[in-house]
mmCIF file of all heavy atoms, coordinates in Angstrom:
data_MODEL
# 
_entry.id   MODEL 
# 
loop_
_atom_site.group_PDB 
_atom_site.id 
_atom_site.type_symbol 
_atom_site.label_atom_id 
_atom_site.label_alt_id 
_atom_site.label_comp_id 
_atom_site.label_asym_id 
_atom_site.label_entity_id 
_atom_site.label_seq_id 
_atom_site.pdbx_PDB_ins_code 
_atom_site.Cartn_x 
_atom_site.Cartn_y 
_atom_site.Cartn_z 
_atom_site.occupancy 
_atom_site.B_iso_or_equiv 
_atom_site.pdbx_formal_charge 
_atom_site.auth_seq_id 
_atom_site.auth_comp_id 
_atom_site.auth_asym_id 
_atom_site.auth_atom_id 
_atom_site.pdbx_PDB_model_num 
ATOM 1   N N   . ARG A 1 1  ? -137.045 164.077 -37.134 1.00 0.00 ? 1  ARG A N   1 
ATOM 2   C CA  . ARG A 1 1  ? -136.342 165.130 -37.849 1.00 0.00 ? 1  ARG A CA  1 
ATOM 3   C C   . ARG A 1 1  ? -135.413 164.537 -38.899 1.00 0.00 ? 1  ARG A C   1 
ATOM 4   O O   . ARG A 1 1  ? -134.742 163.533 -38.670 1.00 0.00 ? 1  ARG A O   1 
ATOM 5   C CB  . ARG A 1 1  ? -135.526 165.994 -36.881 1.00 0.00 ? 1  ARG A CB  1 
ATOM 6   C CG  . ARG A 1 1  ? -136.366 166.869 -35.976 1.00 0.00 ? 1  ARG A CG  1 
ATOM 7   C CD  . ARG A 1 1  ? -135.501 167.683 -35.034 1.00 0.00 ? 1  ARG A CD  1 
ATOM 8   N NE  . ARG A 1 1  ? -134.588 168.550 -35.740 1.00 0.00 ? 1  ARG A NE  1 
ATOM 9   C CZ  . ARG A 1 1  ? -133.257 168.482 -35.668 1.00 0.00 ? 1  ARG A CZ  1 
ATOM 10  N NH1 . ARG A 1 1  ? -132.694 167.567 -34.907 1.00 0.00 ? 1  ARG A NH1 1 
ATOM 11  N NH2 . ARG A 1 1  ? -132.497 169.320 -36.340 1.00 0.00 ? 1  ARG A NH2 1 
ATOM 12  N N   . VAL A 1 2  ? -135.348 165.200 -40.044 1.00 0.00 ? 2  VAL A N   1 
ATOM 13  C CA  . VAL A 1 2  ? -134.480 164.789 -41.145 1.00 0.00 ? 2  VAL A CA  1 
ATOM 14  C C   . VAL A 1 2  ? -133.678 166.012 -41.582 1.00 0.00 ? 2  VAL A C   1 
ATOM 15  O O   . VAL A 1 2  ? -134.246 167.079 -41.821 1.00 0.00 ? 2  VAL A O   1 
ATOM 16  C CB  . VAL A 1 2  ? -135.286 164.235 -42.336 1.00 0.00 ? 2  VAL A CB  1 
ATOM 17  C CG1 . VAL A 1 2  ? -134.350 163.898 -43.503 1.00 0.00 ? 2  VAL A CG1 1 
ATOM 18  C CG2 . VAL A 1 2  ? -136.078 163.001 -41.923 1.00 0.00 ? 2  VAL A CG2 1 
ATOM 19  N N   . ILE A 1 3  ? -132.362 165.868 -41.661 1.00 0.00 ? 3  ILE A N   1 
ATOM 20  C CA  . ILE A 1 3  ? -131.515 166.948 -42.159 1.00 0.00 ? 3  ILE A CA  1 
ATOM 21  C C   . ILE A 1 3  ? -130.570 166.389 -43.216 1.00 0.00 ? 3  ILE A C   1 
ATOM 22  O O   . ILE A 1 3  ? -130.319 165.178 -43.271 1.00 0.00 ? 3  ILE A O   1 
ATOM 23  C CB  . ILE A 1 3  ? -130.701 167.635 -41.033 1.00 0.00 ? 3  ILE A CB  1 
ATOM 24  C CG1 . ILE A 1 3  ? -129.709 166.646 -40.406 1.00 0.00 ? 3  ILE A CG1 1 
ATOM 25  C CG2 . ILE A 1 3  ? -131.613 168.229 -39.989 1.00 0.00 ? 3  ILE A CG2 1 
ATOM 26  C CD1 . ILE A 1 3  ? -128.762 167.309 -39.408 1.00 0.00 ? 3  ILE A CD1 1 
ATOM 27  N N   . ASP A 1 4  ? -130.048 167.279 -44.045 1.00 0.00 ? 4  ASP A N   1 
ATOM 28  C CA  . ASP A 1 4  ? -129.103 166.853 -45.071 1.00 0.00 ? 4  ASP A CA  1 
ATOM 29  C C   . ASP A 1 4  ? -127.683 167.255 -44.685 1.00 0.00 ? 4  ASP A C   1 
ATOM 30  O O   . ASP A 1 4  ? -127.435 167.776 -43.596 1.00 0.00 ? 4  ASP A O   1 
ATOM 31  C CB  . ASP A 1 4  ? -129.494 167.427 -46.444 1.00 0.00 ? 4  ASP A CB  1 
ATOM 32  C CG  . ASP A 1 4  ? -129.512 168.951 -46.449 1.00 0.00 ? 4  ASP A CG  1 
ATOM 33  O OD1 . ASP A 1 4  ? -129.166 169.561 -45.412 1.00 0.00 ? 4  ASP A OD1 1 
ATOM 34  O OD2 . ASP A 1 4  ? -129.873 169.532 -47.491 1.00 0.00 ? 4  ASP A OD2 1 
ATOM 35  N N   . ARG A 1 5  ? -126.745 167.016 -45.590 1.00 0.00 ? 5  ARG A N   1 
ATOM 36  C CA  . ARG A 1 5  ? -125.334 167.282 -45.312 1.00 0.00 ? 5  ARG A CA  1 
ATOM 37  C C   . ARG A 1 5  ? -125.077 168.764 -45.046 1.00 0.00 ? 5  ARG A C   1 
ATOM 38  O O   . ARG A 1 5  ? -124.333 169.120 -44.121 1.00 0.00 ? 5  ARG A O   1 
ATOM 39  C CB  . ARG A 1 5  ? -124.492 166.795 -46.507 1.00 0.00 ? 5  ARG A CB  1 
ATOM 40  C CG  . ARG A 1 5  ? -122.995 167.003 -46.349 1.00 0.00 ? 5  ARG A CG  1 
ATOM 41  C CD  . ARG A 1 5  ? -122.286 166.607 -47.629 1.00 0.00 ? 5  ARG A CD  1 
ATOM 42  N NE  . ARG A 1 5  ? -120.843 166.855 -47.551 1.00 0.00 ? 5  ARG A NE  1 
ATOM 43  C CZ  . ARG A 1 5  ? -119.953 165.998 -47.092 1.00 0.00 ? 5  ARG A CZ  1 
ATOM 44  N NH1 . ARG A 1 5  ? -120.339 164.819 -46.647 1.00 0.00 ? 5  ARG A NH1 1 
ATOM 45  N NH2 . ARG A 1 5  ? -118.677 166.297 -47.070 1.00 0.00 ? 5  ARG A NH2 1 
ATOM 46  N N   . THR A 1 6  ? -125.709 169.621 -45.828 1.00 0.00 ? 6  THR A N   1 
ATOM 47  C CA  . THR A 1 6  ? -125.511 171.061 -45.652 1.00 0.00 ? 6  THR A CA  1 
ATOM 48  C C   . THR A 1 6  ? -125.967 171.517 -44.276 1.00 0.00 ? 6  THR A C   1 
ATOM 49  O O   . THR A 1 6  ? -125.261 172.272 -43.588 1.00 0.00 ? 6  THR A O   1 
ATOM 50  C CB  . THR A 1 6  ? -126.263 171.834 -46.741 1.00 0.00 ? 6  THR A CB  1 
ATOM 51  O OG1 . THR A 1 6  ? -125.714 171.493 -48.020 1.00 0.00 ? 6  THR A OG1 1 
ATOM 52  C CG2 . THR A 1 6  ? -126.150 173.336 -46.528 1.00 0.00 ? 6  THR A CG2 1 
ATOM 53  N N   . SER A 1 7  ? -127.141 171.087 -43.843 1.00 0.00 ? 7  SER A N   1 
ATOM 54  C CA  . SER A 1 7  ? -127.652 171.467 -42.526 1.00 0.00 ? 7  SER A CA  1 
ATOM 55  C C   . SER A 1 7  ? -126.732 170.970 -41.415 1.00 0.00 ? 7  SER A C   1 
ATOM 56  O O   . SER A 1 7  ? -126.526 171.663 -40.412 1.00 0.00 ? 7  SER A O   1 
ATOM 57  C CB  . SER A 1 7  ? -129.063 170.908 -42.319 1.00 0.00 ? 7  SER A CB  1 
ATOM 58  O OG  . SER A 1 7  ? -129.968 171.444 -43.261 1.00 0.00 ? 7  SER A OG  1 
ATOM 59  N N   . LEU A 1 8  ? -126.173 169.777 -41.588 1.00 0.00 ? 8  LEU A N   1 
ATOM 60  C CA  . LEU A 1 8  ? -125.267 169.231 -40.581 1.00 0.00 ? 8  LEU A CA  1 
ATOM 61  C C   . LEU A 1 8  ? -123.996 170.066 -40.472 1.00 0.00 ? 8  LEU A C   1 
ATOM 62  O O   . LEU A 1 8  ? -123.538 170.394 -39.366 1.00 0.00 ? 8  LEU A O   1 
ATOM 63  C CB  . LEU A 1 8  ? -124.919 167.782 -40.935 1.00 0.00 ? 8  LEU A CB  1 
ATOM 64  C CG  . LEU A 1 8  ? -123.914 167.074 -40.010 1.00 0.00 ? 8  LEU A CG  1 
ATOM 65  C CD1 . LEU A 1 8  ? -124.450 166.992 -38.587 1.00 0.00 ? 8  LEU A CD1 1 
ATOM 66  C CD2 . LEU A 1 8  ? -123.583 165.684 -40.542 1.00 0.00 ? 8  LEU A CD2 1 
ATOM 67  N N   . ILE A 1 9  ? -123.410 170.448 -41.604 1.00 0.00 ? 9  ILE A N   1 
ATOM 68  C CA  . ILE A 1 9  ? -122.192 171.258 -41.585 1.00 0.00 ? 9  ILE A CA  1 
ATOM 69  C C   . ILE A 1 9  ? -122.472 172.621 -40.969 1.00 0.00 ? 9  ILE A C   1 
ATOM 70  O O   . ILE A 1 9  ? -121.672 173.140 -40.175 1.00 0.00 ? 9  ILE A O   1 
ATOM 71  C CB  . ILE A 1 9  ? -121.626 171.389 -43.011 1.00 0.00 ? 9  ILE A CB  1 
ATOM 72  C CG1 . ILE A 1 9  ? -121.138 170.021 -43.509 1.00 0.00 ? 9  ILE A CG1 1 
ATOM 73  C CG2 . ILE A 1 9  ? -120.485 172.401 -43.053 1.00 0.00 ? 9  ILE A CG2 1 
ATOM 74  C CD1 . ILE A 1 9  ? -120.656 170.019 -44.943 1.00 0.00 ? 9  ILE A CD1 1 
ATOM 75  N N   . LEU A 1 10 ? -123.612 173.216 -41.307 1.00 0.00 ? 10 LEU A N   1 
ATOM 76  C CA  . LEU A 1 10 ? -123.971 174.504 -40.717 1.00 0.00 ? 10 LEU A CA  1 
ATOM 77  C C   . LEU A 1 10 ? -124.130 174.389 -39.206 1.00 0.00 ? 10 LEU A C   1 
ATOM 78  O O   . LEU A 1 10 ? -123.752 175.304 -38.460 1.00 0.00 ? 10 LEU A O   1 
ATOM 79  C CB  . LEU A 1 10 ? -125.265 175.021 -41.342 1.00 0.00 ? 10 LEU A CB  1 
ATOM 80  C CG  . LEU A 1 10 ? -125.173 175.498 -42.799 1.00 0.00 ? 10 LEU A CG  1 
ATOM 81  C CD1 . LEU A 1 10 ? -126.567 175.812 -43.329 1.00 0.00 ? 10 LEU A CD1 1 
ATOM 82  C CD2 . LEU A 1 10 ? -124.284 176.719 -42.906 1.00 0.00 ? 10 LEU A CD2 1 
ATOM 83  N N   . ASP A 1 11 ? -124.683 173.274 -38.747 1.00 0.00 ? 11 ASP A N   1 
ATOM 84  C CA  . ASP A 1 11 ? -124.863 173.072 -37.310 1.00 0.00 ? 11 ASP A CA  1 
ATOM 85  C C   . ASP A 1 11 ? -123.509 172.956 -36.604 1.00 0.00 ? 11 ASP A C   1 
ATOM 86  O O   . ASP A 1 11 ? -123.309 173.498 -35.511 1.00 0.00 ? 11 ASP A O   1 
ATOM 87  C CB  . ASP A 1 11 ? -125.698 171.811 -37.070 1.00 0.00 ? 11 ASP A CB  1 
ATOM 88  C CG  . ASP A 1 11 ? -126.153 171.691 -35.623 1.00 0.00 ? 11 ASP A CG  1 
ATOM 89  O OD1 . ASP A 1 11 ? -127.054 172.452 -35.241 1.00 0.00 ? 11 ASP A OD1 1 
ATOM 90  O OD2 . ASP A 1 11 ? -125.611 170.848 -34.888 1.00 0.00 ? 11 ASP A OD2 1 
ATOM 91  N N   . ILE A 1 12 ? -122.552 172.273 -37.236 1.00 0.00 ? 12 ILE A N   1 
ATOM 92  C CA  . ILE A 1 12 ? -121.217 172.147 -36.655 1.00 0.00 ? 12 ILE A CA  1 
ATOM 93  C C   . ILE A 1 12 ? -120.532 173.513 -36.603 1.00 0.00 ? 12 ILE A C   1 
ATOM 94  O O   . ILE A 1 12 ? -119.890 173.868 -35.600 1.00 0.00 ? 12 ILE A O   1 
ATOM 95  C CB  . ILE A 1 12 ? -120.369 171.146 -37.468 1.00 0.00 ? 12 ILE A CB  1 
ATOM 96  C CG1 . ILE A 1 12 ? -120.987 169.743 -37.378 1.00 0.00 ? 12 ILE A CG1 1 
ATOM 97  C CG2 . ILE A 1 12 ? -118.935 171.114 -36.970 1.00 0.00 ? 12 ILE A CG2 1 
ATOM 98  C CD1 . ILE A 1 12 ? -120.319 168.730 -38.279 1.00 0.00 ? 12 ILE A CD1 1 
ATOM 99  N N   . PHE A 1 13 ? -120.684 174.287 -37.660 1.00 0.00 ? 13 PHE A N   1 
ATOM 100 C CA  . PHE A 1 13 ? -120.101 175.629 -37.669 1.00 0.00 ? 13 PHE A CA  1 
ATOM 101 C C   . PHE A 1 13 ? -120.690 176.478 -36.550 1.00 0.00 ? 13 PHE A C   1 
ATOM 102 O O   . PHE A 1 13 ? -119.983 177.272 -35.916 1.00 0.00 ? 13 PHE A O   1 
ATOM 103 C CB  . PHE A 1 13 ? -120.342 176.301 -39.021 1.00 0.00 ? 13 PHE A CB  1 
ATOM 104 C CG  . PHE A 1 13 ? -119.249 176.047 -40.028 1.00 0.00 ? 13 PHE A CG  1 
ATOM 105 C CD1 . PHE A 1 13 ? -118.893 174.760 -40.394 1.00 0.00 ? 13 PHE A CD1 1 
ATOM 106 C CD2 . PHE A 1 13 ? -118.563 177.095 -40.596 1.00 0.00 ? 13 PHE A CD2 1 
ATOM 107 C CE1 . PHE A 1 13 ? -117.885 174.517 -41.304 1.00 0.00 ? 13 PHE A CE1 1 
ATOM 108 C CE2 . PHE A 1 13 ? -117.549 176.876 -41.509 1.00 0.00 ? 13 PHE A CE2 1 
ATOM 109 C CZ  . PHE A 1 13 ? -117.203 175.581 -41.865 1.00 0.00 ? 13 PHE A CZ  1 
ATOM 110 N N   . ALA A 1 14 ? -121.992 176.342 -36.304 1.00 0.00 ? 14 ALA A N   1 
ATOM 111 C CA  . ALA A 1 14 ? -122.625 177.105 -35.223 1.00 0.00 ? 14 ALA A CA  1 
ATOM 112 C C   . ALA A 1 14 ? -122.066 176.700 -33.861 1.00 0.00 ? 14 ALA A C   1 
ATOM 113 O O   . ALA A 1 14 ? -121.922 177.536 -32.961 1.00 0.00 ? 14 ALA A O   1 
ATOM 114 C CB  . ALA A 1 14 ? -124.137 176.901 -35.257 1.00 0.00 ? 14 ALA A CB  1 
ATOM 115 N N   . LEU A 1 15 ? -121.735 175.426 -33.699 1.00 0.00 ? 15 LEU A N   1 
ATOM 116 C CA  . LEU A 1 15 ? -121.159 174.959 -32.437 1.00 0.00 ? 15 LEU A CA  1 
ATOM 117 C C   . LEU A 1 15 ? -119.738 175.466 -32.238 1.00 0.00 ? 15 LEU A C   1 
ATOM 118 O O   . LEU A 1 15 ? -119.316 175.756 -31.115 1.00 0.00 ? 15 LEU A O   1 
ATOM 119 C CB  . LEU A 1 15 ? -121.160 173.425 -32.396 1.00 0.00 ? 15 LEU A CB  1 
ATOM 120 C CG  . LEU A 1 15 ? -122.503 172.718 -32.228 1.00 0.00 ? 15 LEU A CG  1 
ATOM 121 C CD1 . LEU A 1 15 ? -122.321 171.211 -32.380 1.00 0.00 ? 15 LEU A CD1 1 
ATOM 122 C CD2 . LEU A 1 15 ? -123.098 173.037 -30.864 1.00 0.00 ? 15 LEU A CD2 1 
ATOM 123 N N   . ARG A 1 16 ? -118.970 175.586 -33.323 1.00 0.00 ? 16 ARG A N   1 
ATOM 124 C CA  . ARG A 1 16 ? -117.544 175.897 -33.223 1.00 0.00 ? 16 ARG A CA  1 
ATOM 125 C C   . ARG A 1 16 ? -117.245 177.400 -33.212 1.00 0.00 ? 16 ARG A C   1 
ATOM 126 O O   . ARG A 1 16 ? -116.185 177.813 -32.750 1.00 0.00 ? 16 ARG A O   1 
ATOM 127 C CB  . ARG A 1 16 ? -116.788 175.263 -34.389 1.00 0.00 ? 16 ARG A CB  1 
ATOM 128 C CG  . ARG A 1 16 ? -116.898 173.747 -34.447 1.00 0.00 ? 16 ARG A CG  1 
ATOM 129 C CD  . ARG A 1 16 ? -115.956 173.077 -33.475 1.00 0.00 ? 16 ARG A CD  1 
ATOM 130 N NE  . ARG A 1 16 ? -115.909 171.647 -33.741 1.00 0.00 ? 16 ARG A NE  1 
ATOM 131 C CZ  . ARG A 1 16 ? -116.714 170.774 -33.177 1.00 0.00 ? 16 ARG A CZ  1 
ATOM 132 N NH1 . ARG A 1 16 ? -117.608 171.180 -32.285 1.00 0.00 ? 16 ARG A NH1 1 
ATOM 133 N NH2 . ARG A 1 16 ? -116.627 169.487 -33.473 1.00 0.00 ? 16 ARG A NH2 1 
ATOM 134 N N   . ALA A 1 17 ? -118.137 178.226 -33.761 1.00 0.00 ? 17 ALA A N   1 
ATOM 135 C CA  . ALA A 1 17 ? -117.842 179.655 -33.893 1.00 0.00 ? 17 ALA A CA  1 
ATOM 136 C C   . ALA A 1 17 ? -117.617 180.279 -32.519 1.00 0.00 ? 17 ALA A C   1 
ATOM 137 O O   . ALA A 1 17 ? -118.420 180.101 -31.603 1.00 0.00 ? 17 ALA A O   1 
ATOM 138 C CB  . ALA A 1 17 ? -118.977 180.360 -34.627 1.00 0.00 ? 17 ALA A CB  1 
ATOM 139 N N   . GLN A 1 18 ? -116.542 181.044 -32.378 1.00 0.00 ? 18 GLN A N   1 
ATOM 140 C CA  . GLN A 1 18 ? -116.197 181.687 -31.115 1.00 0.00 ? 18 GLN A CA  1 
ATOM 141 C C   . GLN A 1 18 ? -116.213 183.208 -31.205 1.00 0.00 ? 18 GLN A C   1 
ATOM 142 O O   . GLN A 1 18 ? -116.723 183.876 -30.310 1.00 0.00 ? 18 GLN A O   1 
ATOM 143 C CB  . GLN A 1 18 ? -114.804 181.219 -30.653 1.00 0.00 ? 18 GLN A CB  1 
ATOM 144 C CG  . GLN A 1 18 ? -114.709 179.729 -30.381 1.00 0.00 ? 18 GLN A CG  1 
ATOM 145 C CD  . GLN A 1 18 ? -115.567 179.293 -29.206 1.00 0.00 ? 18 GLN A CD  1 
ATOM 146 O OE1 . GLN A 1 18 ? -115.710 180.027 -28.229 1.00 0.00 ? 18 GLN A OE1 1 
ATOM 147 N NE2 . GLN A 1 18 ? -116.141 178.107 -29.291 1.00 0.00 ? 18 GLN A NE2 1 
ATOM 148 N N   . SER A 1 19 ? -115.648 183.760 -32.260 1.00 0.00 ? 19 SER A N   1 
ATOM 149 C CA  . SER A 1 19 ? -115.590 185.217 -32.387 1.00 0.00 ? 19 SER A CA  1 
ATOM 150 C C   . SER A 1 19 ? -116.941 185.769 -32.812 1.00 0.00 ? 19 SER A C   1 
ATOM 151 O O   . SER A 1 19 ? -117.786 185.050 -33.356 1.00 0.00 ? 19 SER A O   1 
ATOM 152 C CB  . SER A 1 19 ? -114.520 185.617 -33.409 1.00 0.00 ? 19 SER A CB  1 
ATOM 153 O OG  . SER A 1 19 ? -114.914 185.236 -34.714 1.00 0.00 ? 19 SER A OG  1 
ATOM 154 N N   . SER A 1 20 ? -117.131 187.061 -32.586 1.00 0.00 ? 20 SER A N   1 
ATOM 155 C CA  . SER A 1 20 ? -118.391 187.692 -32.981 1.00 0.00 ? 20 SER A CA  1 
ATOM 156 C C   . SER A 1 20 ? -118.570 187.652 -34.496 1.00 0.00 ? 20 SER A C   1 
ATOM 157 O O   . SER A 1 20 ? -119.677 187.428 -34.995 1.00 0.00 ? 20 SER A O   1 
ATOM 158 C CB  . SER A 1 20 ? -118.428 189.143 -32.492 1.00 0.00 ? 20 SER A CB  1 
ATOM 159 O OG  . SER A 1 20 ? -117.332 189.872 -33.000 1.00 0.00 ? 20 SER A OG  1 
ATOM 160 N N   . GLU A 1 21 ? -117.475 187.841 -35.232 1.00 0.00 ? 21 GLU A N   1 
ATOM 161 C CA  . GLU A 1 21 ? -117.574 187.790 -36.692 1.00 0.00 ? 21 GLU A CA  1 
ATOM 162 C C   . GLU A 1 21 ? -117.932 186.389 -37.167 1.00 0.00 ? 21 GLU A C   1 
ATOM 163 O O   . GLU A 1 21 ? -118.768 186.217 -38.066 1.00 0.00 ? 21 GLU A O   1 
ATOM 164 C CB  . GLU A 1 21 ? -116.253 188.230 -37.326 1.00 0.00 ? 21 GLU A CB  1 
ATOM 165 C CG  . GLU A 1 21 ? -116.309 188.267 -38.848 1.00 0.00 ? 21 GLU A CG  1 
ATOM 166 C CD  . GLU A 1 21 ? -114.999 188.711 -39.464 1.00 0.00 ? 21 GLU A CD  1 
ATOM 167 O OE1 . GLU A 1 21 ? -113.997 188.810 -38.732 1.00 0.00 ? 21 GLU A OE1 1 
ATOM 168 O OE2 . GLU A 1 21 ? -114.970 188.955 -40.686 1.00 0.00 ? 21 GLU A OE2 1 
ATOM 169 N N   . GLY A 1 22 ? -117.315 185.377 -36.563 1.00 0.00 ? 22 GLY A N   1 
ATOM 170 C CA  . GLY A 1 22 ? -117.634 184.007 -36.943 1.00 0.00 ? 22 GLY A CA  1 
ATOM 171 C C   . GLY A 1 22 ? -119.086 183.659 -36.684 1.00 0.00 ? 22 GLY A C   1 
ATOM 172 O O   . GLY A 1 22 ? -119.744 183.003 -37.503 1.00 0.00 ? 22 GLY A O   1 
ATOM 173 N N   . LYS A 1 23 ? -119.617 184.111 -35.558 1.00 0.00 ? 23 LYS A N   1 
ATOM 174 C CA  . LYS A 1 23 ? -121.015 183.840 -35.242 1.00 0.00 ? 23 LYS A CA  1 
ATOM 175 C C   . LYS A 1 23 ? -121.953 184.537 -36.227 1.00 0.00 ? 23 LYS A C   1 
ATOM 176 O O   . LYS A 1 23 ? -122.981 183.966 -36.629 1.00 0.00 ? 23 LYS A O   1 
ATOM 177 C CB  . LYS A 1 23 ? -121.320 184.281 -33.812 1.00 0.00 ? 23 LYS A CB  1 
ATOM 178 C CG  . LYS A 1 23 ? -120.614 183.439 -32.752 1.00 0.00 ? 23 LYS A CG  1 
ATOM 179 C CD  . LYS A 1 23 ? -120.864 183.974 -31.352 1.00 0.00 ? 23 LYS A CD  1 
ATOM 180 C CE  . LYS A 1 23 ? -120.130 183.139 -30.306 1.00 0.00 ? 23 LYS A CE  1 
ATOM 181 N NZ  . LYS A 1 23 ? -120.328 183.655 -28.930 1.00 0.00 ? 23 LYS A NZ  1 
ATOM 182 N N   . LEU A 1 24 ? -121.610 185.769 -36.609 1.00 0.00 ? 24 LEU A N   1 
ATOM 183 C CA  . LEU A 1 24 ? -122.436 186.474 -37.590 1.00 0.00 ? 24 LEU A CA  1 
ATOM 184 C C   . LEU A 1 24 ? -122.408 185.768 -38.938 1.00 0.00 ? 24 LEU A C   1 
ATOM 185 O O   . LEU A 1 24 ? -123.443 185.637 -39.611 1.00 0.00 ? 24 LEU A O   1 
ATOM 186 C CB  . LEU A 1 24 ? -121.934 187.911 -37.748 1.00 0.00 ? 24 LEU A CB  1 
ATOM 187 C CG  . LEU A 1 24 ? -122.167 188.869 -36.575 1.00 0.00 ? 24 LEU A CG  1 
ATOM 188 C CD1 . LEU A 1 24 ? -121.511 190.215 -36.860 1.00 0.00 ? 24 LEU A CD1 1 
ATOM 189 C CD2 . LEU A 1 24 ? -123.654 189.054 -36.309 1.00 0.00 ? 24 LEU A CD2 1 
ATOM 190 N N   . GLN A 1 25 ? -121.237 185.300 -39.350 1.00 0.00 ? 25 GLN A N   1 
ATOM 191 C CA  . GLN A 1 25 ? -121.109 184.613 -40.629 1.00 0.00 ? 25 GLN A CA  1 
ATOM 192 C C   . GLN A 1 25 ? -121.915 183.314 -40.650 1.00 0.00 ? 25 GLN A C   1 
ATOM 193 O O   . GLN A 1 25 ? -122.587 183.005 -41.637 1.00 0.00 ? 25 GLN A O   1 
ATOM 194 C CB  . GLN A 1 25 ? -119.631 184.343 -40.920 1.00 0.00 ? 25 GLN A CB  1 
ATOM 195 C CG  . GLN A 1 25 ? -118.828 185.596 -41.226 1.00 0.00 ? 25 GLN A CG  1 
ATOM 196 C CD  . GLN A 1 25 ? -117.338 185.335 -41.269 1.00 0.00 ? 25 GLN A CD  1 
ATOM 197 O OE1 . GLN A 1 25 ? -116.813 184.521 -40.513 1.00 0.00 ? 25 GLN A OE1 1 
ATOM 198 N NE2 . GLN A 1 25 ? -116.635 186.025 -42.151 1.00 0.00 ? 25 GLN A NE2 1 
ATOM 199 N N   . VAL A 1 26 ? -121.843 182.559 -39.564 1.00 0.00 ? 26 VAL A N   1 
ATOM 200 C CA  . VAL A 1 26 ? -122.583 181.305 -39.501 1.00 0.00 ? 26 VAL A CA  1 
ATOM 201 C C   . VAL A 1 26 ? -124.086 181.568 -39.492 1.00 0.00 ? 26 VAL A C   1 
ATOM 202 O O   . VAL A 1 26 ? -124.858 180.879 -40.175 1.00 0.00 ? 26 VAL A O   1 
ATOM 203 C CB  . VAL A 1 26 ? -122.166 180.495 -38.253 1.00 0.00 ? 26 VAL A CB  1 
ATOM 204 C CG1 . VAL A 1 26 ? -123.068 179.289 -38.082 1.00 0.00 ? 26 VAL A CG1 1 
ATOM 205 C CG2 . VAL A 1 26 ? -120.719 180.045 -38.372 1.00 0.00 ? 26 VAL A CG2 1 
# 
């Protein structure tokens, strides 16, 4: 698998999101 910087940041955001709004945004 190969990912770029954007995909990595999105993955971190998905791990950190706690609220329902945050999860929807991510």
